[in-house]
Amino acid sequence: MPAQPLGLLALQESGPAAERDARARQQADALLLSLRELQIGVLEGALDQAALHRLAALPTGAEAADPALAAVLTAIRLRARVELARHGLDPAASSD
């Protein structure tokens, strides 16, 4: 039985969407790791400026295809921008 055109279209779209979600998850993981590193420094009483600058330097351009993942990534990005602003770095300078 020949493949239906609509079925092929759905298969083609699932690849890039899965790739976008994978990139978004990697970005979320990197942001969370950097935020955790910053949190540990604050809790220890010594703000690590290098950790702050690493957080600011993380790329934030990946967009998720999954709406739930996109919402989580948006919340993580917001937290990162808040922390940057809280510690005197311009969150607008981070790439978002």
PDB file of N, CA and C in Angstrom:
ATOM      1  N   MET A   1       0.844  -1.176   0.000  1.00  0.00           N
ATOM      2  CA  MET A   1       0.000   0.000   0.000  1.00  0.00           C
ATOM      3  C   MET A   1       0.894   1.245   0.000  1.00  0.00           C
ATOM      4  N   PRO A   2       0.669   2.183  -0.897  1.00  0.00           N
ATOM      5  CA  PRO A   2       1.507   3.379  -0.965  1.00  0.00           C
ATOM      6  C   PRO A   2       1.299   4.275   0.264  1.00  0.00           C
ATOM      7  N   ALA A   3       2.352   4.976   0.610  1.00  0.00           N
ATOM      8  CA  ALA A   3       2.283   5.883   1.755  1.00  0.00           C
ATOM      9  C   ALA A   3       1.393   7.069   1.420  1.00  0.00           C
ATOM     10  N   GLN A   4       0.616   7.471   2.375  1.00  0.00           N
ATOM     11  CA  GLN A   4      -0.246   8.629   2.207  1.00  0.00           C
ATOM     12  C   GLN A   4       0.578   9.907   2.334  1.00  0.00           C
ATOM     13  N   PRO A   5       0.321  10.898   1.494  1.00  0.00           N
ATOM     14  CA  PRO A   5       1.098  12.144   1.569  1.00  0.00           C
ATOM     15  C   PRO A   5       1.032  12.793   2.949  1.00  0.00           C
ATOM     16  N   LEU A   6      -0.113  12.740   3.592  1.00  0.00           N
ATOM     17  CA  LEU A   6      -0.238  13.349   4.906  1.00  0.00           C
ATOM     18  C   LEU A   6       0.640  12.631   5.930  1.00  0.00           C
ATOM     19  N   GLY A   7       0.738  11.311   5.820  1.00  0.00           N
ATOM     20  CA  GLY A   7       1.587  10.535   6.720  1.00  0.00           C
ATOM     21  C   GLY A   7       3.054  10.883   6.555  1.00  0.00           C
ATOM     22  N   LEU A   8       3.485  11.069   5.320  1.00  0.00           N
ATOM     23  CA  LEU A   8       4.871  11.457   5.062  1.00  0.00           C
ATOM     24  C   LEU A   8       5.160  12.848   5.619  1.00  0.00           C
ATOM     25  N   LEU A   9       4.204  13.733   5.473  1.00  0.00           N
ATOM     26  CA  LEU A   9       4.367  15.085   5.995  1.00  0.00           C
ATOM     27  C   LEU A   9       4.514  15.053   7.518  1.00  0.00           C
ATOM     28  N   ALA A  10       3.721  14.232   8.172  1.00  0.00           N
ATOM     29  CA  ALA A  10       3.808  14.119   9.628  1.00  0.00           C
ATOM     30  C   ALA A  10       5.169  13.565  10.041  1.00  0.00           C
ATOM     31  N   LEU A  11       5.695  12.603   9.306  1.00  0.00           N
ATOM     32  CA  LEU A  11       7.008  12.048   9.608  1.00  0.00           C
ATOM     33  C   LEU A  11       8.100  13.091   9.437  1.00  0.00           C
ATOM     34  N   GLN A  12       8.004  13.896   8.399  1.00  0.00           N
ATOM     35  CA  GLN A  12       9.015  14.922   8.150  1.00  0.00           C
ATOM     36  C   GLN A  12       9.000  15.974   9.248  1.00  0.00           C
ATOM     37  N   GLU A  13       7.823  16.302   9.759  1.00  0.00           N
ATOM     38  CA  GLU A  13       7.733  17.332  10.786  1.00  0.00           C
ATOM     39  C   GLU A  13       8.173  16.832  12.150  1.00  0.00           C
ATOM     40  N   SER A  14       8.081  15.529  12.396  1.00  0.00           N
ATOM     41  CA  SER A  14       8.454  15.024  13.716  1.00  0.00           C
ATOM     42  C   SER A  14       9.960  15.092  13.934  1.00  0.00           C
ATOM     43  N   GLY A  15      10.753  14.960  12.902  1.00  0.00           N
ATOM     44  CA  GLY A  15      12.211  15.032  13.044  1.00  0.00           C
ATOM     45  C   GLY A  15      12.683  16.376  13.541  1.00  0.00           C
ATOM     46  N   PRO A  16      12.380  17.442  12.824  1.00  0.00           N
ATOM     47  CA  PRO A  16      12.824  18.756  13.292  1.00  0.00           C
ATOM     48  C   PRO A  16      12.242  19.138  14.652  1.00  0.00           C
ATOM     49  N   ALA A  17      11.004  18.753  14.921  1.00  0.00           N
ATOM     50  CA  ALA A  17      10.396  19.074  16.217  1.00  0.00           C
ATOM     51  C   ALA A  17      11.148  18.358  17.335  1.00  0.00           C
ATOM     52  N   ALA A  18      11.497  17.114  17.106  1.00  0.00           N
ATOM     53  CA  ALA A  18      12.250  16.366  18.110  1.00  0.00           C
ATOM     54  C   ALA A  18      13.629  16.984  18.314  1.00  0.00           C
ATOM     55  N   GLU A  19      14.248  17.435  17.243  1.00  0.00           N
ATOM     56  CA  GLU A  19      15.556  18.084  17.344  1.00  0.00           C
ATOM     57  C   GLU A  19      15.452  19.402  18.102  1.00  0.00           C
ATOM     58  N   ARG A  20      14.390  20.171  17.816  1.00  0.00           N
ATOM     59  CA  ARG A  20      14.187  21.435  18.529  1.00  0.00           C
ATOM     60  C   ARG A  20      13.974  21.191  20.018  1.00  0.00           C
ATOM     61  N   ASP A  21      13.188  20.168  20.331  1.00  0.00           N
ATOM     62  CA  ASP A  21      12.953  19.846  21.740  1.00  0.00           C
ATOM     63  C   ASP A  21      14.241  19.394  22.424  1.00  0.00           C
ATOM     64  N   ALA A  22      15.052  18.624  21.722  1.00  0.00           N
ATOM     65  CA  ALA A  22      16.323  18.167  22.300  1.00  0.00           C
ATOM     66  C   ALA A  22      17.239  19.355  22.572  1.00  0.00           C
ATOM     67  N   ARG A  23      17.329  20.302  21.631  1.00  0.00           N
ATOM     68  CA  ARG A  23      18.149  21.500  21.847  1.00  0.00           C
ATOM     69  C   ARG A  23      17.602  22.335  23.004  1.00  0.00           C
ATOM     70  N   ALA A  24      16.277  22.439  23.087  1.00  0.00           N
ATOM     71  CA  ALA A  24      15.661  23.209  24.174  1.00  0.00           C
ATOM     72  C   ALA A  24      15.936  22.548  25.520  1.00  0.00           C
ATOM     73  N   ARG A  25      15.883  21.219  25.583  1.00  0.00           N
ATOM     74  CA  ARG A  25      16.186  20.512  26.833  1.00  0.00           C
ATOM     75  C   ARG A  25      17.647  20.712  27.225  1.00  0.00           C
ATOM     76  N   GLN A  26      18.542  20.664  26.245  1.00  0.00           N
ATOM     77  CA  GLN A  26      19.963  20.890  26.537  1.00  0.00           C
ATOM     78  C   GLN A  26      20.172  22.298  27.080  1.00  0.00           C
ATOM     79  N   GLN A  27      19.492  23.261  26.477  1.00  0.00           N
ATOM     80  CA  GLN A  27      19.614  24.634  26.935  1.00  0.00           C
ATOM     81  C   GLN A  27      19.063  24.789  28.349  1.00  0.00           C
ATOM     82  N   ALA A  28      17.916  24.183  28.616  1.00  0.00           N
ATOM     83  CA  ALA A  28      17.319  24.246  29.951  1.00  0.00           C
ATOM     84  C   ALA A  28      18.253  23.608  30.977  1.00  0.00           C
ATOM     85  N   ASP A  29      18.838  22.472  30.629  1.00  0.00           N
ATOM     86  CA  ASP A  29      19.780  21.810  31.538  1.00  0.00           C
ATOM     87  C   ASP A  29      20.979  22.706  31.839  1.00  0.00           C
ATOM     88  N   ALA A  30      21.521  23.340  30.796  1.00  0.00           N
ATOM     89  CA  ALA A  30      22.685  24.212  30.985  1.00  0.00           C
ATOM     90  C   ALA A  30      22.329  25.411  31.859  1.00  0.00           C
ATOM     91  N   LEU A  31      21.170  26.004  31.636  1.00  0.00           N
ATOM     92  CA  LEU A  31      20.747  27.143  32.447  1.00  0.00           C
ATOM     93  C   LEU A  31      20.533  26.732  33.900  1.00  0.00           C
ATOM     94  N   LEU A  32      19.868  25.585  34.102  1.00  0.00           N
ATOM     95  CA  LEU A  32      19.630  25.119  35.464  1.00  0.00           C
ATOM     96  C   LEU A  32      20.933  24.802  36.188  1.00  0.00           C
ATOM     97  N   LEU A  33      21.873  24.196  35.490  1.00  0.00           N
ATOM     98  CA  LEU A  33      23.170  23.889  36.089  1.00  0.00           C
ATOM     99  C   LEU A  33      23.899  25.168  36.493  1.00  0.00           C
ATOM    100  N   SER A  34      23.850  26.150  35.631  1.00  0.00           N
ATOM    101  CA  SER A  34      24.502  27.421  35.917  1.00  0.00           C
ATOM    102  C   SER A  34      23.810  28.149  37.077  1.00  0.00           C
ATOM    103  N   LEU A  35      22.476  28.096  37.098  1.00  0.00           N
ATOM    104  CA  LEU A  35      21.743  28.708  38.205  1.00  0.00           C
ATOM    105  C   LEU A  35      22.054  27.999  39.524  1.00  0.00           C
ATOM    106  N   ARG A  36      22.185  26.692  39.477  1.00  0.00           N
ATOM    107  CA  ARG A  36      22.526  25.926  40.684  1.00  0.00           C
ATOM    108  C   ARG A  36      23.921  26.303  41.182  1.00  0.00           C
ATOM    109  N   GLU A  37      24.853  26.438  40.260  1.00  0.00           N
ATOM    110  CA  GLU A  37      26.211  26.832  40.623  1.00  0.00           C
ATOM    111  C   GLU A  37      26.205  28.209  41.298  1.00  0.00           C
ATOM    112  N   LEU A  38      25.413  29.111  40.742  1.00  0.00           N
ATOM    113  CA  LEU A  38      25.300  30.453  41.315  1.00  0.00           C
ATOM    114  C   LEU A  38      24.652  30.388  42.702  1.00  0.00           C
ATOM    115  N   GLN A  39      23.625  29.561  42.850  1.00  0.00           N
ATOM    116  CA  GLN A  39      22.937  29.416  44.126  1.00  0.00           C
ATOM    117  C   GLN A  39      23.879  28.876  45.202  1.00  0.00           C
ATOM    118  N   ILE A  40      24.667  27.904  44.872  1.00  0.00           N
ATOM    119  CA  ILE A  40      25.620  27.333  45.829  1.00  0.00           C
ATOM    120  C   ILE A  40      26.596  28.412  46.299  1.00  0.00           C
ATOM    121  N   GLY A  41      27.072  29.205  45.368  1.00  0.00           N
ATOM    122  CA  GLY A  41      27.980  30.291  45.741  1.00  0.00           C
ATOM    123  C   GLY A  41      27.327  31.291  46.671  1.00  0.00           C
ATOM    124  N   VAL A  42      26.096  31.644  46.402  1.00  0.00           N
ATOM    125  CA  VAL A  42      25.384  32.594  47.258  1.00  0.00           C
ATOM    126  C   VAL A  42      25.166  31.994  48.640  1.00  0.00           C
ATOM    127  N   LEU A  43      24.772  30.720  48.692  1.00  0.00           N
ATOM    128  CA  LEU A  43      24.544  30.067  49.987  1.00  0.00           C
ATOM    129  C   LEU A  43      25.821  29.931  50.805  1.00  0.00           C
ATOM    130  N   GLU A  44      26.948  29.798  50.126  1.00  0.00           N
ATOM    131  CA  GLU A  44      28.231  29.702  50.821  1.00  0.00           C
ATOM    132  C   GLU A  44      28.761  31.071  51.231  1.00  0.00           C
ATOM    133  N   GLY A  45      28.075  32.123  50.800  1.00  0.00           N
ATOM    134  CA  GLY A  45      28.461  33.462  51.196  1.00  0.00           C
ATOM    135  C   GLY A  45      29.491  34.122  50.303  1.00  0.00           C
ATOM    136  N   ALA A  46      29.789  33.500  49.179  1.00  0.00           N
ATOM    137  CA  ALA A  46      30.774  34.076  48.264  1.00  0.00           C
ATOM    138  C   ALA A  46      30.212  34.017  46.845  1.00  0.00           C
ATOM    139  N   LEU A  47      29.731  35.160  46.394  1.00  0.00           N
ATOM    140  CA  LEU A  47      29.189  35.219  45.039  1.00  0.00           C
ATOM    141  C   LEU A  47      30.319  35.019  44.032  1.00  0.00           C
ATOM    142  N   ASP A  48      30.182  34.022  43.216  1.00  0.00           N
ATOM    143  CA  ASP A  48      31.188  33.696  42.209  1.00  0.00           C
ATOM    144  C   ASP A  48      30.886  34.494  40.934  1.00  0.00           C
ATOM    145  N   GLN A  49      31.671  35.548  40.721  1.00  0.00           N
ATOM    146  CA  GLN A  49      31.466  36.393  39.540  1.00  0.00           C
ATOM    147  C   GLN A  49      31.647  35.611  38.245  1.00  0.00           C
ATOM    148  N   ALA A  50      32.544  34.651  38.260  1.00  0.00           N
ATOM    149  CA  ALA A  50      32.757  33.837  37.057  1.00  0.00           C
ATOM    150  C   ALA A  50      31.504  33.034  36.734  1.00  0.00           C
ATOM    151  N   ALA A  51      30.843  32.495  37.755  1.00  0.00           N
ATOM    152  CA  ALA A  51      29.607  31.736  37.537  1.00  0.00           C
ATOM    153  C   ALA A  51      28.516  32.644  36.993  1.00  0.00           C
ATOM    154  N   LEU A  52      28.479  33.854  37.490  1.00  0.00           N
ATOM    155  CA  LEU A  52      27.507  34.829  37.016  1.00  0.00           C
ATOM    156  C   LEU A  52      27.740  35.158  35.546  1.00  0.00           C
ATOM    157  N   HIS A  53      28.989  35.336  35.173  1.00  0.00           N
ATOM    158  CA  HIS A  53      29.310  35.642  33.780  1.00  0.00           C
ATOM    159  C   HIS A  53      29.082  34.435  32.872  1.00  0.00           C
ATOM    160  N   ARG A  54      29.303  33.231  33.386  1.00  0.00           N
ATOM    161  CA  ARG A  54      28.998  32.026  32.599  1.00  0.00           C
ATOM    162  C   ARG A  54      27.501  31.928  32.339  1.00  0.00           C
ATOM    163  N   LEU A  55      26.690  32.263  33.347  1.00  0.00           N
ATOM    164  CA  LEU A  55      25.241  32.261  33.167  1.00  0.00           C
ATOM    165  C   LEU A  55      24.837  33.268  32.100  1.00  0.00           C
ATOM    166  N   ALA A  56      25.426  34.439  32.159  1.00  0.00           N
ATOM    167  CA  ALA A  56      25.101  35.479  31.180  1.00  0.00           C
ATOM    168  C   ALA A  56      25.537  35.093  29.770  1.00  0.00           C
ATOM    169  N   ALA A  57      26.581  34.282  29.661  1.00  0.00           N
ATOM    170  CA  ALA A  57      27.118  33.922  28.354  1.00  0.00           C
ATOM    171  C   ALA A  57      26.397  32.741  27.698  1.00  0.00           C
ATOM    172  N   LEU A  58      25.560  32.044  28.456  1.00  0.00           N
ATOM    173  CA  LEU A  58      24.876  30.887  27.874  1.00  0.00           C
ATOM    174  C   LEU A  58      23.930  31.316  26.760  1.00  0.00           C
ATOM    175  N   PRO A  59      23.926  30.587  25.652  1.00  0.00           N
ATOM    176  CA  PRO A  59      22.987  30.918  24.585  1.00  0.00           C
ATOM    177  C   PRO A  59      21.566  30.572  25.009  1.00  0.00           C
ATOM    178  N   THR A  60      20.612  31.366  24.576  1.00  0.00           N
ATOM    179  CA  THR A  60      19.219  31.133  24.946  1.00  0.00           C
ATOM    180  C   THR A  60      18.288  31.170  23.745  1.00  0.00           C
ATOM    181  N   GLY A  61      18.781  30.824  22.584  1.00  0.00           N
ATOM    182  CA  GLY A  61      17.969  30.954  21.385  1.00  0.00           C
ATOM    183  C   GLY A  61      17.143  29.753  21.002  1.00  0.00           C
ATOM    184  N   ALA A  62      17.347  28.594  21.602  1.00  0.00           N
ATOM    185  CA  ALA A  62      16.608  27.396  21.208  1.00  0.00           C
ATOM    186  C   ALA A  62      15.137  27.538  21.582  1.00  0.00           C
ATOM    187  N   GLU A  63      14.272  27.113  20.686  1.00  0.00           N
ATOM    188  CA  GLU A  63      12.836  27.125  20.934  1.00  0.00           C
ATOM    189  C   GLU A  63      12.319  25.707  20.871  1.00  0.00           C
ATOM    190  N   ALA A  64      11.464  25.351  21.802  1.00  0.00           N
ATOM    191  CA  ALA A  64      10.900  24.006  21.866  1.00  0.00           C
ATOM    192  C   ALA A  64       9.653  23.920  20.995  1.00  0.00           C
ATOM    193  N   ALA A  65       9.439  22.747  20.411  1.00  0.00           N
ATOM    194  CA  ALA A  65       8.217  22.488  19.654  1.00  0.00           C
ATOM    195  C   ALA A  65       7.087  22.112  20.610  1.00  0.00           C
ATOM    196  N   ASP A  66       7.424  21.423  21.694  1.00  0.00           N
ATOM    197  CA  ASP A  66       6.444  20.998  22.691  1.00  0.00           C
ATOM    198  C   ASP A  66       6.041  22.207  23.532  1.00  0.00           C
ATOM    199  N   PRO A  67       4.756  22.548  23.576  1.00  0.00           N
ATOM    200  CA  PRO A  67       4.324  23.731  24.327  1.00  0.00           C
ATOM    201  C   PRO A  67       4.664  23.669  25.820  1.00  0.00           C
ATOM    202  N   ALA A  68       4.573  22.501  26.421  1.00  0.00           N
ATOM    203  CA  ALA A  68       4.892  22.382  27.847  1.00  0.00           C
ATOM    204  C   ALA A  68       6.377  22.635  28.080  1.00  0.00           C
ATOM    205  N   LEU A  69       7.224  22.082  27.224  1.00  0.00           N
ATOM    206  CA  LEU A  69       8.665  22.308  27.329  1.00  0.00           C
ATOM    207  C   LEU A  69       8.990  23.782  27.075  1.00  0.00           C
ATOM    208  N   ALA A  70       8.300  24.392  26.128  1.00  0.00           N
ATOM    209  CA  ALA A  70       8.515  25.812  25.842  1.00  0.00           C
ATOM    210  C   ALA A  70       8.173  26.667  27.062  1.00  0.00           C
ATOM    211  N   ALA A  71       7.098  26.313  27.769  1.00  0.00           N
ATOM    212  CA  ALA A  71       6.707  27.070  28.961  1.00  0.00           C
ATOM    213  C   ALA A  71       7.750  26.923  30.064  1.00  0.00           C
ATOM    214  N   VAL A  72       8.265  25.725  30.248  1.00  0.00           N
ATOM    215  CA  VAL A  72       9.291  25.492  31.264  1.00  0.00           C
ATOM    216  C   VAL A  72      10.556  26.269  30.917  1.00  0.00           C
ATOM    217  N   LEU A  73      10.962  26.216  29.654  1.00  0.00           N
ATOM    218  CA  LEU A  73      12.164  26.926  29.222  1.00  0.00           C
ATOM    219  C   LEU A  73      12.000  28.434  29.406  1.00  0.00           C
ATOM    220  N   THR A  74      10.815  28.948  29.133  1.00  0.00           N
ATOM    221  CA  THR A  74      10.545  30.376  29.340  1.00  0.00           C
ATOM    222  C   THR A  74      10.697  30.746  30.816  1.00  0.00           C
ATOM    223  N   ALA A  75      10.198  29.893  31.701  1.00  0.00           N
ATOM    224  CA  ALA A  75      10.306  30.151  33.140  1.00  0.00           C
ATOM    225  C   ALA A  75      11.763  30.112  33.595  1.00  0.00           C
ATOM    226  N   ILE A  76      12.530  29.171  33.072  1.00  0.00           N
ATOM    227  CA  ILE A  76      13.955  29.075  33.438  1.00  0.00           C
ATOM    228  C   ILE A  76      14.710  30.299  32.937  1.00  0.00           C
ATOM    229  N   ARG A  77      14.421  30.718  31.705  1.00  0.00           N
ATOM    230  CA  ARG A  77      15.073  31.922  31.165  1.00  0.00           C
ATOM    231  C   ARG A  77      14.745  33.146  32.008  1.00  0.00           C
ATOM    232  N   LEU A  78      13.497  33.256  32.429  1.00  0.00           N
ATOM    233  CA  LEU A  78      13.091  34.386  33.270  1.00  0.00           C
ATOM    234  C   LEU A  78      13.874  34.379  34.579  1.00  0.00           C
ATOM    235  N   ARG A  79      13.997  33.206  35.195  1.00  0.00           N
ATOM    236  CA  ARG A  79      14.763  33.102  36.447  1.00  0.00           C
ATOM    237  C   ARG A  79      16.210  33.520  36.230  1.00  0.00           C
ATOM    238  N   ALA A  80      16.786  33.105  35.114  1.00  0.00           N
ATOM    239  CA  ALA A  80      18.170  33.481  34.808  1.00  0.00           C
ATOM    240  C   ALA A  80      18.290  34.999  34.642  1.00  0.00           C
ATOM    241  N   ARG A  81      17.331  35.606  33.931  1.00  0.00           N
ATOM    242  CA  ARG A  81      17.376  37.062  33.741  1.00  0.00           C
ATOM    243  C   ARG A  81      17.217  37.797  35.075  1.00  0.00           C
ATOM    244  N   VAL A  82      16.347  37.271  35.946  1.00  0.00           N
ATOM    245  CA  VAL A  82      16.160  37.882  37.263  1.00  0.00           C
ATOM    246  C   VAL A  82      17.465  37.827  38.056  1.00  0.00           C
ATOM    247  N   GLU A  83      18.126  36.681  38.047  1.00  0.00           N
ATOM    248  CA  GLU A  83      19.386  36.547  38.783  1.00  0.00           C
ATOM    249  C   GLU A  83      20.460  37.475  38.220  1.00  0.00           C
ATOM    250  N   LEU A  84      20.518  37.576  36.910  1.00  0.00           N
ATOM    251  CA  LEU A  84      21.507  38.472  36.304  1.00  0.00           C
ATOM    252  C   LEU A  84      21.245  39.915  36.727  1.00  0.00           C
ATOM    253  N   ALA A  85      19.982  40.331  36.663  1.00  0.00           N
ATOM    254  CA  ALA A  85      19.632  41.695  37.059  1.00  0.00           C
ATOM    255  C   ALA A  85      19.878  41.909  38.551  1.00  0.00           C
ATOM    256  N   ARG A  86      19.568  40.918  39.348  1.00  0.00           N
ATOM    257  CA  ARG A  86      19.747  40.999  40.800  1.00  0.00           C
ATOM    258  C   ARG A  86      21.202  41.220  41.173  1.00  0.00           C
ATOM    259  N   HIS A  87      22.096  40.672  40.393  1.00  0.00           N
ATOM    260  CA  HIS A  87      23.524  40.784  40.690  1.00  0.00           C
ATOM    261  C   HIS A  87      24.226  41.824  39.817  1.00  0.00           C
ATOM    262  N   GLY A  88      23.433  42.681  39.182  1.00  0.00           N
ATOM    263  CA  GLY A  88      24.004  43.830  38.496  1.00  0.00           C
ATOM    264  C   GLY A  88      24.439  43.627  37.071  1.00  0.00           C
ATOM    265  N   LEU A  89      24.127  42.483  36.483  1.00  0.00           N
ATOM    266  CA  LEU A  89      24.427  42.303  35.062  1.00  0.00           C
ATOM    267  C   LEU A  89      23.175  42.606  34.250  1.00  0.00           C
ATOM    268  N   ASP A  90      23.344  43.205  33.119  1.00  0.00           N
ATOM    269  CA  ASP A  90      22.225  43.584  32.279  1.00  0.00           C
ATOM    270  C   ASP A  90      21.630  42.339  31.612  1.00  0.00           C
ATOM    271  N   PRO A  91      20.408  41.931  32.011  1.00  0.00           N
ATOM    272  CA  PRO A  91      19.821  40.741  31.388  1.00  0.00           C
ATOM    273  C   PRO A  91      19.514  40.934  29.914  1.00  0.00           C
ATOM    274  N   ALA A  92      19.370  42.176  29.480  1.00  0.00           N
ATOM    275  CA  ALA A  92      19.124  42.441  28.056  1.00  0.00           C
ATOM    276  C   ALA A  92      20.359  42.110  27.222  1.00  0.00           C
ATOM    277  N   ALA A  93      21.524  42.109  27.859  1.00  0.00           N
ATOM    278  CA  ALA A  93      22.757  41.797  27.144  1.00  0.00           C
ATOM    279  C   ALA A  93      22.895  40.306  26.877  1.00  0.00           C
ATOM    280  N   SER A  94      22.145  39.470  27.643  1.00  0.00           N
ATOM    281  CA  SER A  94      22.191  38.031  27.381  1.00  0.00           C
ATOM    282  C   SER A  94      21.415  37.746  26.106  1.00  0.00           C
ATOM    283  N   SER A  95      21.842  36.726  25.367  1.00  0.00           N
ATOM    284  CA  SER A  95      21.228  36.439  24.078  1.00  0.00           C
ATOM    285  C   SER A  95      19.949  35.650  24.246  1.00  0.00           C
ATOM    286  N   ASP A  96      18.792  36.326  24.095  1.00  0.00           N
ATOM    287  CA  ASP A  96      17.491  35.681  24.218  1.00  0.00           C
ATOM    288  C   ASP A  96      16.597  35.995  23.072  1.00  0.00           C
TER     289      ASP A  96
END
